[in-house]
């Protein structure tokens, strides 16, 4: 595992040559700041609300990799003082689906910081997030000597057709996509890295009903007290050293955890799925996006009679999709 980690670190340093600094405000990062890291392409329509949400949550600085957007993203981010941006035209797939770029940003700017790695369609919720900023969570994790914090990906979707209610720039996507699957999840332990492997939800139910093991993984470890010797291996599903993946209790207790509300399924998604299917820059030749494009062309709806409307984090805790553990 040490050899694997060293290879990841060497790889991220080599891949850093693919990044061109567009706006580097990292000198403004203070010792205790919480940093958010994200890689995206053509997500300008989502960024205004995304930035507002995480600023309100208490994130201090944003490190972005723009993968050759053509929708005016760089112009929109220009001049925002808490945002640093790098641009690249290189292959997302060959950068281990962006992981190499983010490992380098965290290694270079995130050492000894709590870093949160999310996509522009993911919204981090944690126990007491409605009353406590993210620094309250990271302070508690520091005091508890916890280095990593997990969050299950919860796909949210509209009631009715995905294209029925157009998403407006700056809008809270949960105003449209506010339903989710409260059950239908499987969990197993990954023997190689020791992390949990969670699958299920609407993507398994709708897009992979015959082959549920082909459905996307929903387990993530997005919040980590980063050091230069850490590295993500596969998206934010697993890390090295292996101990960072121990985000659950094997002795009958329950560790604190959060959730990532995944707002992928808006009216913009069908066109996005078709684009990514043709670009083939995602895992397994974009097989997942091929399934999306194929199914949505026939039946652009995820809601079913078992769907549950999202209320707040306490609802997710009651359903067992996240936990406050012993944080009170």
C-alpha atoms as a PDB file:
ATOM      1  CA  UNK A   1       0.000   0.000   0.000  1.00  0.00           C
ATOM      2  CA  UNK A   2       2.895   2.374   0.639  1.00  0.00           C
ATOM      3  CA  UNK A   3       4.147   1.754  -2.871  1.00  0.00           C
ATOM      4  CA  UNK A   4       0.677   2.421  -4.292  1.00  0.00           C
ATOM      5  CA  UNK A   5       0.449   5.669  -2.349  1.00  0.00           C
ATOM      6  CA  UNK A   6       3.850   6.847  -3.523  1.00  0.00           C
ATOM      7  CA  UNK A   7       2.880   6.106  -7.092  1.00  0.00           C
ATOM      8  CA  UNK A   8      -0.292   8.159  -6.664  1.00  0.00           C
ATOM      9  CA  UNK A   9       1.682  11.080  -5.283  1.00  0.00           C
ATOM     10  CA  UNK A  10       4.268  10.916  -8.062  1.00  0.00           C
ATOM     11  CA  UNK A  11       1.480  10.662 -10.608  1.00  0.00           C
ATOM     12  CA  UNK A  12      -0.331  13.741  -9.295  1.00  0.00           C
ATOM     13  CA  UNK A  13       2.878  15.783  -9.419  1.00  0.00           C
ATOM     14  CA  UNK A  14       3.444  14.713 -13.010  1.00  0.00           C
ATOM     15  CA  UNK A  15      -0.149  15.478 -13.962  1.00  0.00           C
ATOM     16  CA  UNK A  16       0.109  18.940 -12.382  1.00  0.00           C
ATOM     17  CA  UNK A  17       1.985  19.987 -15.529  1.00  0.00           C
ATOM     18  CA  UNK A  18      -1.339  19.768 -17.365  1.00  0.00           C
ATOM     19  CA  UNK A  19      -2.844  22.564 -15.258  1.00  0.00           C
ATOM     20  CA  UNK A  20      -2.623  26.245 -16.201  1.00  0.00           C
ATOM     21  CA  UNK A  21      -3.224  28.763 -13.434  1.00  0.00           C
ATOM     22  CA  UNK A  22      -5.992  31.191 -14.396  1.00  0.00           C
ATOM     23  CA  UNK A  23      -6.575  32.861 -11.029  1.00  0.00           C
ATOM     24  CA  UNK A  24      -4.519  31.966  -7.963  1.00  0.00           C
ATOM     25  CA  UNK A  25      -5.757  33.576  -4.754  1.00  0.00           C
ATOM     26  CA  UNK A  26      -4.299  30.853  -2.543  1.00  0.00           C
ATOM     27  CA  UNK A  27      -2.128  33.397  -0.693  1.00  0.00           C
ATOM     28  CA  UNK A  28      -5.320  34.426   1.102  1.00  0.00           C
ATOM     29  CA  UNK A  29      -5.721  30.957   2.677  1.00  0.00           C
ATOM     30  CA  UNK A  30      -5.281  31.185   6.464  1.00  0.00           C
ATOM     31  CA  UNK A  31      -4.009  28.385   8.747  1.00  0.00           C
ATOM     32  CA  UNK A  32      -7.431  27.133   9.940  1.00  0.00           C
ATOM     33  CA  UNK A  33      -9.404  27.660   6.745  1.00  0.00           C
ATOM     34  CA  UNK A  34     -11.639  24.939   5.347  1.00  0.00           C
ATOM     35  CA  UNK A  35     -10.919  24.408   1.647  1.00  0.00           C
ATOM     36  CA  UNK A  36     -13.243  23.024  -1.017  1.00  0.00           C
ATOM     37  CA  UNK A  37     -11.781  21.271  -4.083  1.00  0.00           C
ATOM     38  CA  UNK A  38     -13.713  20.464  -7.256  1.00  0.00           C
ATOM     39  CA  UNK A  39     -13.178  19.542 -10.905  1.00  0.00           C
ATOM     40  CA  UNK A  40     -15.854  20.303 -13.481  1.00  0.00           C
ATOM     41  CA  UNK A  41     -16.719  21.085 -17.086  1.00  0.00           C
ATOM     42  CA  UNK A  42     -19.521  23.365 -18.331  1.00  0.00           C
ATOM     43  CA  UNK A  43     -21.214  23.819 -14.959  1.00  0.00           C
ATOM     44  CA  UNK A  44     -21.663  27.608 -14.969  1.00  0.00           C
ATOM     45  CA  UNK A  45     -25.420  27.286 -14.510  1.00  0.00           C
ATOM     46  CA  UNK A  46     -24.840  25.488 -11.187  1.00  0.00           C
ATOM     47  CA  UNK A  47     -21.986  27.561  -9.764  1.00  0.00           C
ATOM     48  CA  UNK A  48     -23.862  30.602  -8.345  1.00  0.00           C
ATOM     49  CA  UNK A  49     -25.963  28.526  -5.948  1.00  0.00           C
ATOM     50  CA  UNK A  50     -23.118  26.061  -5.308  1.00  0.00           C
ATOM     51  CA  UNK A  51     -20.817  28.864  -4.166  1.00  0.00           C
ATOM     52  CA  UNK A  52     -23.531  30.499  -2.076  1.00  0.00           C
ATOM     53  CA  UNK A  53     -24.403  27.213  -0.368  1.00  0.00           C
ATOM     54  CA  UNK A  54     -20.831  26.413   0.626  1.00  0.00           C
ATOM     55  CA  UNK A  55     -19.981  29.976   1.620  1.00  0.00           C
ATOM     56  CA  UNK A  56     -23.011  29.948   3.920  1.00  0.00           C
ATOM     57  CA  UNK A  57     -21.814  26.595   5.287  1.00  0.00           C
ATOM     58  CA  UNK A  58     -18.478  28.204   6.213  1.00  0.00           C
ATOM     59  CA  UNK A  59     -16.072  27.120   3.457  1.00  0.00           C
ATOM     60  CA  UNK A  60     -13.248  29.672   3.289  1.00  0.00           C
ATOM     61  CA  UNK A  61     -11.573  29.015  -0.066  1.00  0.00           C
ATOM     62  CA  UNK A  62     -12.359  27.183  -3.310  1.00  0.00           C
ATOM     63  CA  UNK A  63      -9.781  25.382  -5.493  1.00  0.00           C
ATOM     64  CA  UNK A  64     -11.274  24.624  -8.912  1.00  0.00           C
ATOM     65  CA  UNK A  65     -10.032  22.737 -11.964  1.00  0.00           C
ATOM     66  CA  UNK A  66     -11.938  23.765 -15.078  1.00  0.00           C
ATOM     67  CA  UNK A  67     -11.688  21.025 -17.702  1.00  0.00           C
ATOM     68  CA  UNK A  68     -11.974  23.142 -20.859  1.00  0.00           C
ATOM     69  CA  UNK A  69     -15.428  24.625 -20.280  1.00  0.00           C
ATOM     70  CA  UNK A  70     -17.061  26.452 -23.183  1.00  0.00           C
ATOM     71  CA  UNK A  71     -20.004  28.009 -21.308  1.00  0.00           C
ATOM     72  CA  UNK A  72     -18.327  31.100 -19.803  1.00  0.00           C
ATOM     73  CA  UNK A  73     -17.318  29.475 -16.509  1.00  0.00           C
ATOM     74  CA  UNK A  74     -13.919  31.191 -16.344  1.00  0.00           C
ATOM     75  CA  UNK A  75     -15.425  34.616 -16.988  1.00  0.00           C
ATOM     76  CA  UNK A  76     -17.969  34.029 -14.230  1.00  0.00           C
ATOM     77  CA  UNK A  77     -15.310  33.021 -11.665  1.00  0.00           C
ATOM     78  CA  UNK A  78     -12.976  35.867 -12.587  1.00  0.00           C
ATOM     79  CA  UNK A  79     -12.397  38.268  -9.708  1.00  0.00           C
ATOM     80  CA  UNK A  80     -13.979  36.184  -6.939  1.00  0.00           C
ATOM     81  CA  UNK A  81     -11.421  36.562  -4.169  1.00  0.00           C
ATOM     82  CA  UNK A  82     -12.049  33.271  -2.372  1.00  0.00           C
ATOM     83  CA  UNK A  83     -11.740  31.277  -5.619  1.00  0.00           C
ATOM     84  CA  UNK A  84      -8.573  29.927  -7.264  1.00  0.00           C
ATOM     85  CA  UNK A  85      -8.923  28.358 -10.708  1.00  0.00           C
ATOM     86  CA  UNK A  86      -6.768  26.150 -12.915  1.00  0.00           C
ATOM     87  CA  UNK A  87      -7.690  25.272 -16.475  1.00  0.00           C
ATOM     88  CA  UNK A  88      -6.782  22.215 -18.532  1.00  0.00           C
ATOM     89  CA  UNK A  89      -7.638  20.873 -21.959  1.00  0.00           C
ATOM     90  CA  UNK A  90      -6.130  17.482 -21.125  1.00  0.00           C
ATOM     91  CA  UNK A  91      -8.012  14.219 -20.692  1.00  0.00           C
ATOM     92  CA  UNK A  92     -10.154  13.885 -17.563  1.00  0.00           C
ATOM     93  CA  UNK A  93     -10.003  10.103 -17.983  1.00  0.00           C
ATOM     94  CA  UNK A  94      -6.205   9.982 -18.184  1.00  0.00           C
ATOM     95  CA  UNK A  95      -5.982  12.086 -15.035  1.00  0.00           C
ATOM     96  CA  UNK A  96      -7.715   9.219 -13.210  1.00  0.00           C
ATOM     97  CA  UNK A  97     -11.047  10.991 -13.741  1.00  0.00           C
ATOM     98  CA  UNK A  98      -9.718  14.203 -12.227  1.00  0.00           C
ATOM     99  CA  UNK A  99      -8.341  12.586  -9.066  1.00  0.00           C
ATOM    100  CA  UNK A 100      -4.717  13.311 -10.026  1.00  0.00           C
ATOM    101  CA  UNK A 101      -5.438  17.022 -10.412  1.00  0.00           C
ATOM    102  CA  UNK A 102      -7.278  17.232  -7.099  1.00  0.00           C
ATOM    103  CA  UNK A 103      -4.591  15.247  -5.261  1.00  0.00           C
ATOM    104  CA  UNK A 104      -2.052  17.801  -6.463  1.00  0.00           C
ATOM    105  CA  UNK A 105      -4.164  20.783  -5.379  1.00  0.00           C
ATOM    106  CA  UNK A 106      -4.677  19.269  -1.947  1.00  0.00           C
ATOM    107  CA  UNK A 107      -1.006  18.360  -1.620  1.00  0.00           C
ATOM    108  CA  UNK A 108       0.086  21.861  -2.646  1.00  0.00           C
ATOM    109  CA  UNK A 109      -2.513  24.050  -0.918  1.00  0.00           C
ATOM    110  CA  UNK A 110      -4.403  21.798   1.491  1.00  0.00           C
ATOM    111  CA  UNK A 111      -1.637  20.483   3.754  1.00  0.00           C
ATOM    112  CA  UNK A 112      -2.861  20.554   7.385  1.00  0.00           C
ATOM    113  CA  UNK A 113      -6.274  21.864   6.299  1.00  0.00           C
ATOM    114  CA  UNK A 114      -9.673  20.230   6.351  1.00  0.00           C
ATOM    115  CA  UNK A 115     -10.468  19.785   2.661  1.00  0.00           C
ATOM    116  CA  UNK A 116     -13.888  18.999   1.209  1.00  0.00           C
ATOM    117  CA  UNK A 117     -13.970  17.393  -2.252  1.00  0.00           C
ATOM    118  CA  UNK A 118     -17.344  17.596  -3.996  1.00  0.00           C
ATOM    119  CA  UNK A 119     -18.816  17.982  -7.478  1.00  0.00           C
ATOM    120  CA  UNK A 120     -20.927  21.041  -8.399  1.00  0.00           C
ATOM    121  CA  UNK A 121     -24.078  18.910  -8.156  1.00  0.00           C
ATOM    122  CA  UNK A 122     -23.298  17.619  -4.642  1.00  0.00           C
ATOM    123  CA  UNK A 123     -24.440  19.344  -1.448  1.00  0.00           C
ATOM    124  CA  UNK A 124     -22.831  18.262   1.802  1.00  0.00           C
ATOM    125  CA  UNK A 125     -25.112  17.870   4.814  1.00  0.00           C
ATOM    126  CA  UNK A 126     -23.950  16.758   8.250  1.00  0.00           C
ATOM    127  CA  UNK A 127     -25.421  16.564  11.761  1.00  0.00           C
ATOM    128  CA  UNK A 128     -26.617  19.997  12.932  1.00  0.00           C
ATOM    129  CA  UNK A 129     -25.690  21.653   9.610  1.00  0.00           C
ATOM    130  CA  UNK A 130     -28.819  23.792   9.935  1.00  0.00           C
ATOM    131  CA  UNK A 131     -27.435  25.444  13.100  1.00  0.00           C
ATOM    132  CA  UNK A 132     -23.664  24.839  13.107  1.00  0.00           C
ATOM    133  CA  UNK A 133     -21.061  25.884  10.498  1.00  0.00           C
ATOM    134  CA  UNK A 134     -18.669  23.378   9.021  1.00  0.00           C
ATOM    135  CA  UNK A 135     -15.926  24.662  11.369  1.00  0.00           C
ATOM    136  CA  UNK A 136     -17.958  23.316  14.298  1.00  0.00           C
ATOM    137  CA  UNK A 137     -17.805  19.881  12.685  1.00  0.00           C
ATOM    138  CA  UNK A 138     -14.078  20.079  11.887  1.00  0.00           C
ATOM    139  CA  UNK A 139     -13.293  21.370  15.407  1.00  0.00           C
ATOM    140  CA  UNK A 140     -15.147  18.395  16.891  1.00  0.00           C
ATOM    141  CA  UNK A 141     -13.328  16.006  14.543  1.00  0.00           C
ATOM    142  CA  UNK A 142      -9.984  17.529  15.554  1.00  0.00           C
ATOM    143  CA  UNK A 143     -10.816  17.245  19.253  1.00  0.00           C
ATOM    144  CA  UNK A 144     -11.886  13.629  18.706  1.00  0.00           C
ATOM    145  CA  UNK A 145      -8.683  12.807  16.765  1.00  0.00           C
ATOM    146  CA  UNK A 146     -10.753  11.842  13.700  1.00  0.00           C
ATOM    147  CA  UNK A 147      -9.008  12.485  10.362  1.00  0.00           C
ATOM    148  CA  UNK A 148     -11.722  11.641   7.839  1.00  0.00           C
ATOM    149  CA  UNK A 149     -15.502  11.951   7.627  1.00  0.00           C
ATOM    150  CA  UNK A 150     -17.779   9.953   5.348  1.00  0.00           C
ATOM    151  CA  UNK A 151     -20.928  10.967   3.494  1.00  0.00           C
ATOM    152  CA  UNK A 152     -23.280   8.692   1.613  1.00  0.00           C
ATOM    153  CA  UNK A 153     -24.345   9.963  -1.802  1.00  0.00           C
ATOM    154  CA  UNK A 154     -28.140  10.352  -1.842  1.00  0.00           C
ATOM    155  CA  UNK A 155     -29.563  10.870  -5.334  1.00  0.00           C
ATOM    156  CA  UNK A 156     -32.424  13.368  -5.351  1.00  0.00           C
ATOM    157  CA  UNK A 157     -34.819  13.818  -8.241  1.00  0.00           C
ATOM    158  CA  UNK A 158     -38.087  15.564  -9.222  1.00  0.00           C
ATOM    159  CA  UNK A 159     -41.578  14.146  -9.053  1.00  0.00           C
ATOM    160  CA  UNK A 160     -42.490  13.770 -12.711  1.00  0.00           C
ATOM    161  CA  UNK A 161     -40.389  14.137 -15.837  1.00  0.00           C
ATOM    162  CA  UNK A 162     -36.855  15.467 -15.426  1.00  0.00           C
ATOM    163  CA  UNK A 163     -37.486  18.040 -18.157  1.00  0.00           C
ATOM    164  CA  UNK A 164     -40.763  19.304 -16.710  1.00  0.00           C
ATOM    165  CA  UNK A 165     -39.303  22.122 -14.566  1.00  0.00           C
ATOM    166  CA  UNK A 166     -36.344  23.976 -16.149  1.00  0.00           C
ATOM    167  CA  UNK A 167     -33.531  24.801 -13.743  1.00  0.00           C
ATOM    168  CA  UNK A 168     -32.650  28.493 -13.509  1.00  0.00           C
ATOM    169  CA  UNK A 169     -29.118  29.730 -12.827  1.00  0.00           C
ATOM    170  CA  UNK A 170     -28.747  30.587  -9.133  1.00  0.00           C
ATOM    171  CA  UNK A 171     -31.731  28.474  -8.084  1.00  0.00           C
ATOM    172  CA  UNK A 172     -31.596  25.980  -5.241  1.00  0.00           C
ATOM    173  CA  UNK A 173     -31.822  22.652  -7.151  1.00  0.00           C
ATOM    174  CA  UNK A 174     -33.654  21.072  -4.200  1.00  0.00           C
ATOM    175  CA  UNK A 175     -36.636  23.236  -5.101  1.00  0.00           C
ATOM    176  CA  UNK A 176     -36.999  20.948  -8.135  1.00  0.00           C
ATOM    177  CA  UNK A 177     -35.228  17.709  -7.169  1.00  0.00           C
ATOM    178  CA  UNK A 178     -36.470  17.004  -3.649  1.00  0.00           C
ATOM    179  CA  UNK A 179     -37.337  13.274  -3.693  1.00  0.00           C
ATOM    180  CA  UNK A 180     -35.091  10.311  -2.897  1.00  0.00           C
ATOM    181  CA  UNK A 181     -35.076   6.559  -2.265  1.00  0.00           C
ATOM    182  CA  UNK A 182     -35.204   5.868   1.467  1.00  0.00           C
ATOM    183  CA  UNK A 183     -34.216   2.208   1.030  1.00  0.00           C
ATOM    184  CA  UNK A 184     -32.934  -0.235  -1.574  1.00  0.00           C
ATOM    185  CA  UNK A 185     -29.252   0.049  -0.553  1.00  0.00           C
ATOM    186  CA  UNK A 186     -26.602  -2.649  -0.183  1.00  0.00           C
ATOM    187  CA  UNK A 187     -23.374  -2.374   1.804  1.00  0.00           C
ATOM    188  CA  UNK A 188     -20.261  -4.510   1.741  1.00  0.00           C
ATOM    189  CA  UNK A 189     -16.640  -4.081   2.768  1.00  0.00           C
ATOM    190  CA  UNK A 190     -13.907  -3.602   0.184  1.00  0.00           C
ATOM    191  CA  UNK A 191     -11.175  -6.069   1.123  1.00  0.00           C
ATOM    192  CA  UNK A 192      -8.414  -4.128  -0.634  1.00  0.00           C
ATOM    193  CA  UNK A 193      -8.827  -0.684   0.910  1.00  0.00           C
ATOM    194  CA  UNK A 194     -11.081  -1.425   3.883  1.00  0.00           C
ATOM    195  CA  UNK A 195     -13.738   1.082   2.835  1.00  0.00           C
ATOM    196  CA  UNK A 196     -17.442   0.358   2.661  1.00  0.00           C
ATOM    197  CA  UNK A 197     -19.009  -0.106  -0.781  1.00  0.00           C
ATOM    198  CA  UNK A 198     -22.604   1.160  -1.010  1.00  0.00           C
ATOM    199  CA  UNK A 199     -24.886   0.749  -4.021  1.00  0.00           C
ATOM    200  CA  UNK A 200     -28.575   1.187  -4.719  1.00  0.00           C
ATOM    201  CA  UNK A 201     -31.030   4.053  -4.883  1.00  0.00           C
ATOM    202  CA  UNK A 202     -32.710   5.307  -8.053  1.00  0.00           C
ATOM    203  CA  UNK A 203     -29.713   4.751 -10.312  1.00  0.00           C
ATOM    204  CA  UNK A 204     -29.685   1.064  -9.428  1.00  0.00           C
ATOM    205  CA  UNK A 205     -33.481   0.823  -9.508  1.00  0.00           C
ATOM    206  CA  UNK A 206     -33.972   2.579 -12.870  1.00  0.00           C
ATOM    207  CA  UNK A 207     -30.757   2.254 -14.865  1.00  0.00           C
ATOM    208  CA  UNK A 208     -29.274  -1.047 -13.638  1.00  0.00           C
ATOM    209  CA  UNK A 209     -32.256  -3.139 -12.442  1.00  0.00           C
ATOM    210  CA  UNK A 210     -30.925  -6.351 -13.984  1.00  0.00           C
ATOM    211  CA  UNK A 211     -27.277  -5.801 -13.004  1.00  0.00           C
ATOM    212  CA  UNK A 212     -27.330  -3.887  -9.676  1.00  0.00           C
ATOM    213  CA  UNK A 213     -23.630  -4.590  -9.089  1.00  0.00           C
ATOM    214  CA  UNK A 214     -22.919  -2.350 -12.094  1.00  0.00           C
ATOM    215  CA  UNK A 215     -24.631   0.615 -10.427  1.00  0.00           C
ATOM    216  CA  UNK A 216     -22.438   3.533  -9.270  1.00  0.00           C
ATOM    217  CA  UNK A 217     -20.885   3.471  -5.812  1.00  0.00           C
ATOM    218  CA  UNK A 218     -22.540   5.780  -3.289  1.00  0.00           C
ATOM    219  CA  UNK A 219     -19.903   5.645  -0.542  1.00  0.00           C
ATOM    220  CA  UNK A 220     -17.703   8.744  -0.276  1.00  0.00           C
ATOM    221  CA  UNK A 221     -15.160  10.221   2.126  1.00  0.00           C
ATOM    222  CA  UNK A 222     -15.225  13.858   1.041  1.00  0.00           C
ATOM    223  CA  UNK A 223     -13.939  15.601   4.191  1.00  0.00           C
ATOM    224  CA  UNK A 224     -10.355  14.902   5.271  1.00  0.00           C
ATOM    225  CA  UNK A 225      -7.744  16.640   7.445  1.00  0.00           C
ATOM    226  CA  UNK A 226      -5.241  16.592   4.601  1.00  0.00           C
ATOM    227  CA  UNK A 227      -1.500  16.083   4.700  1.00  0.00           C
ATOM    228  CA  UNK A 228       0.994  15.838   1.853  1.00  0.00           C
ATOM    229  CA  UNK A 229       1.269  12.078   2.267  1.00  0.00           C
ATOM    230  CA  UNK A 230      -2.426  11.388   1.609  1.00  0.00           C
ATOM    231  CA  UNK A 231      -3.942  10.493  -1.759  1.00  0.00           C
ATOM    232  CA  UNK A 232      -7.360   9.653  -3.096  1.00  0.00           C
ATOM    233  CA  UNK A 233      -7.388   6.432  -5.105  1.00  0.00           C
ATOM    234  CA  UNK A 234     -10.798   6.273  -6.781  1.00  0.00           C
ATOM    235  CA  UNK A 235     -12.834   9.477  -6.810  1.00  0.00           C
ATOM    236  CA  UNK A 236     -13.531  10.100  -3.106  1.00  0.00           C
ATOM    237  CA  UNK A 237     -14.522   6.462  -2.551  1.00  0.00           C
ATOM    238  CA  UNK A 238     -11.185   5.409  -1.042  1.00  0.00           C
ATOM    239  CA  UNK A 239      -7.932   6.908   0.236  1.00  0.00           C
ATOM    240  CA  UNK A 240      -4.418   5.950   1.140  1.00  0.00           C
ATOM    241  CA  UNK A 241      -3.258   5.356   3.837  1.00  0.00           C
ATOM    242  CA  UNK A 242      -5.949   2.714   4.380  1.00  0.00           C
ATOM    243  CA  UNK A 243      -6.719   3.927   7.903  1.00  0.00           C
ATOM    244  CA  UNK A 244      -8.516   6.966   6.480  1.00  0.00           C
ATOM    245  CA  UNK A 245     -11.181   4.618   5.114  1.00  0.00           C
ATOM    246  CA  UNK A 246     -12.111   3.429   8.611  1.00  0.00           C
ATOM    247  CA  UNK A 247     -15.113   5.745   8.829  1.00  0.00           C
ATOM    248  CA  UNK A 248     -17.421   3.162  10.405  1.00  0.00           C
ATOM    249  CA  UNK A 249     -17.531   1.228  13.685  1.00  0.00           C
ATOM    250  CA  UNK A 250     -17.078  -2.548  13.553  1.00  0.00           C
ATOM    251  CA  UNK A 251     -17.891  -3.076  17.234  1.00  0.00           C
ATOM    252  CA  UNK A 252     -21.596  -2.302  17.306  1.00  0.00           C
ATOM    253  CA  UNK A 253     -21.396   1.476  17.663  1.00  0.00           C
ATOM    254  CA  UNK A 254     -22.085   4.121  15.068  1.00  0.00           C
ATOM    255  CA  UNK A 255     -19.621   6.769  13.931  1.00  0.00           C
ATOM    256  CA  UNK A 256     -20.815  10.193  12.898  1.00  0.00           C
ATOM    257  CA  UNK A 257     -21.370  10.581   9.168  1.00  0.00           C
ATOM    258  CA  UNK A 258     -23.024  12.906   6.687  1.00  0.00           C
ATOM    259  CA  UNK A 259     -24.672  12.791   3.285  1.00  0.00           C
ATOM    260  CA  UNK A 260     -24.147  14.311  -0.138  1.00  0.00           C
ATOM    261  CA  UNK A 261     -27.407  15.346  -1.756  1.00  0.00           C
ATOM    262  CA  UNK A 262     -26.755  14.567  -5.413  1.00  0.00           C
ATOM    263  CA  UNK A 263     -28.737  16.924  -7.644  1.00  0.00           C
ATOM    264  CA  UNK A 264     -27.608  15.513 -10.993  1.00  0.00           C
ATOM    265  CA  UNK A 265     -31.127  14.778 -12.182  1.00  0.00           C
ATOM    266  CA  UNK A 266     -32.455  18.114 -13.445  1.00  0.00           C
ATOM    267  CA  UNK A 267     -33.722  19.069 -16.899  1.00  0.00           C
ATOM    268  CA  UNK A 268     -30.100  19.715 -17.948  1.00  0.00           C
ATOM    269  CA  UNK A 269     -29.146  16.088 -17.376  1.00  0.00           C
ATOM    270  CA  UNK A 270     -30.314  14.439 -20.592  1.00  0.00           C
ATOM    271  CA  UNK A 271     -28.101  16.688 -22.740  1.00  0.00           C
ATOM    272  CA  UNK A 272     -25.233  16.192 -20.262  1.00  0.00           C
ATOM    273  CA  UNK A 273     -25.583  12.409 -20.437  1.00  0.00           C
ATOM    274  CA  UNK A 274     -25.519  12.451 -24.217  1.00  0.00           C
ATOM    275  CA  UNK A 275     -22.436  14.692 -24.263  1.00  0.00           C
ATOM    276  CA  UNK A 276     -20.518  12.550 -21.765  1.00  0.00           C
ATOM    277  CA  UNK A 277     -21.512   9.377 -23.580  1.00  0.00           C
ATOM    278  CA  UNK A 278     -19.902  10.714 -26.755  1.00  0.00           C
ATOM    279  CA  UNK A 279     -16.812  12.118 -24.983  1.00  0.00           C
ATOM    280  CA  UNK A 280     -16.155   8.777 -23.201  1.00  0.00           C
ATOM    281  CA  UNK A 281     -14.155  10.480 -20.456  1.00  0.00           C
ATOM    282  CA  UNK A 282     -15.818   8.672 -17.565  1.00  0.00           C
ATOM    283  CA  UNK A 283     -15.282   5.296 -15.942  1.00  0.00           C
ATOM    284  CA  UNK A 284     -15.660   2.136 -18.098  1.00  0.00           C
ATOM    285  CA  UNK A 285     -15.942   4.070 -21.330  1.00  0.00           C
ATOM    286  CA  UNK A 286     -18.838   6.133 -19.910  1.00  0.00           C
ATOM    287  CA  UNK A 287     -20.974   2.976 -19.655  1.00  0.00           C
ATOM    288  CA  UNK A 288     -22.930   4.630 -16.851  1.00  0.00           C
ATOM    289  CA  UNK A 289     -23.800   7.615 -19.062  1.00  0.00           C
ATOM    290  CA  UNK A 290     -24.765   5.301 -21.921  1.00  0.00           C
ATOM    291  CA  UNK A 291     -27.299   3.684 -19.589  1.00  0.00           C
ATOM    292  CA  UNK A 292     -28.597   7.106 -18.555  1.00  0.00           C
ATOM    293  CA  UNK A 293     -28.998   8.325 -22.134  1.00  0.00           C
ATOM    294  CA  UNK A 294     -30.689   5.115 -23.259  1.00  0.00           C
ATOM    295  CA  UNK A 295     -33.186   4.892 -20.409  1.00  0.00           C
ATOM    296  CA  UNK A 296     -34.053   8.584 -20.238  1.00  0.00           C
ATOM    297  CA  UNK A 297     -34.843   8.690 -23.934  1.00  0.00           C
ATOM    298  CA  UNK A 298     -37.610   6.145 -23.234  1.00  0.00           C
ATOM    299  CA  UNK A 299     -38.827   7.249 -19.802  1.00  0.00           C
ATOM    300  CA  UNK A 300     -37.385  10.493 -18.328  1.00  0.00           C
ATOM    301  CA  UNK A 301     -38.705   9.939 -14.807  1.00  0.00           C
ATOM    302  CA  UNK A 302     -37.164   8.511 -11.594  1.00  0.00           C
ATOM    303  CA  UNK A 303     -40.003   9.081  -9.123  1.00  0.00           C
ATOM    304  CA  UNK A 304     -41.960   6.053  -7.906  1.00  0.00           C
ATOM    305  CA  UNK A 305     -44.608   5.352  -5.268  1.00  0.00           C
ATOM    306  CA  UNK A 306     -41.903   4.536  -2.680  1.00  0.00           C
ATOM    307  CA  UNK A 307     -40.074   7.841  -3.151  1.00  0.00           C
ATOM    308  CA  UNK A 308     -39.733  10.066  -0.091  1.00  0.00           C
ATOM    309  CA  UNK A 309     -39.607  13.874  -0.040  1.00  0.00           C
ATOM    310  CA  UNK A 310     -36.464  15.352   1.525  1.00  0.00           C
ATOM    311  CA  UNK A 311     -36.995  17.455   4.654  1.00  0.00           C
ATOM    312  CA  UNK A 312     -33.681  17.801   6.514  1.00  0.00           C
ATOM    313  CA  UNK A 313     -30.659  15.944   7.877  1.00  0.00           C
ATOM    314  CA  UNK A 314     -32.615  14.576  10.853  1.00  0.00           C
ATOM    315  CA  UNK A 315     -34.853  12.701   8.445  1.00  0.00           C
ATOM    316  CA  UNK A 316     -31.782  11.087   6.866  1.00  0.00           C
ATOM    317  CA  UNK A 317     -30.526  10.089  10.324  1.00  0.00           C
ATOM    318  CA  UNK A 318     -33.849   8.462  11.212  1.00  0.00           C
ATOM    319  CA  UNK A 319     -33.660   6.481   7.957  1.00  0.00           C
ATOM    320  CA  UNK A 320     -30.096   5.351   8.746  1.00  0.00           C
ATOM    321  CA  UNK A 321     -28.496   7.199   5.814  1.00  0.00           C
ATOM    322  CA  UNK A 322     -26.296   9.318   8.115  1.00  0.00           C
ATOM    323  CA  UNK A 323     -25.536   9.561  11.827  1.00  0.00           C
ATOM    324  CA  UNK A 324     -24.590  12.115  14.471  1.00  0.00           C
ATOM    325  CA  UNK A 325     -22.768   9.375  16.396  1.00  0.00           C
ATOM    326  CA  UNK A 326     -21.585  10.758  19.729  1.00  0.00           C
ATOM    327  CA  UNK A 327     -21.475  14.375  18.552  1.00  0.00           C
ATOM    328  CA  UNK A 328     -24.057  16.242  20.587  1.00  0.00           C
END
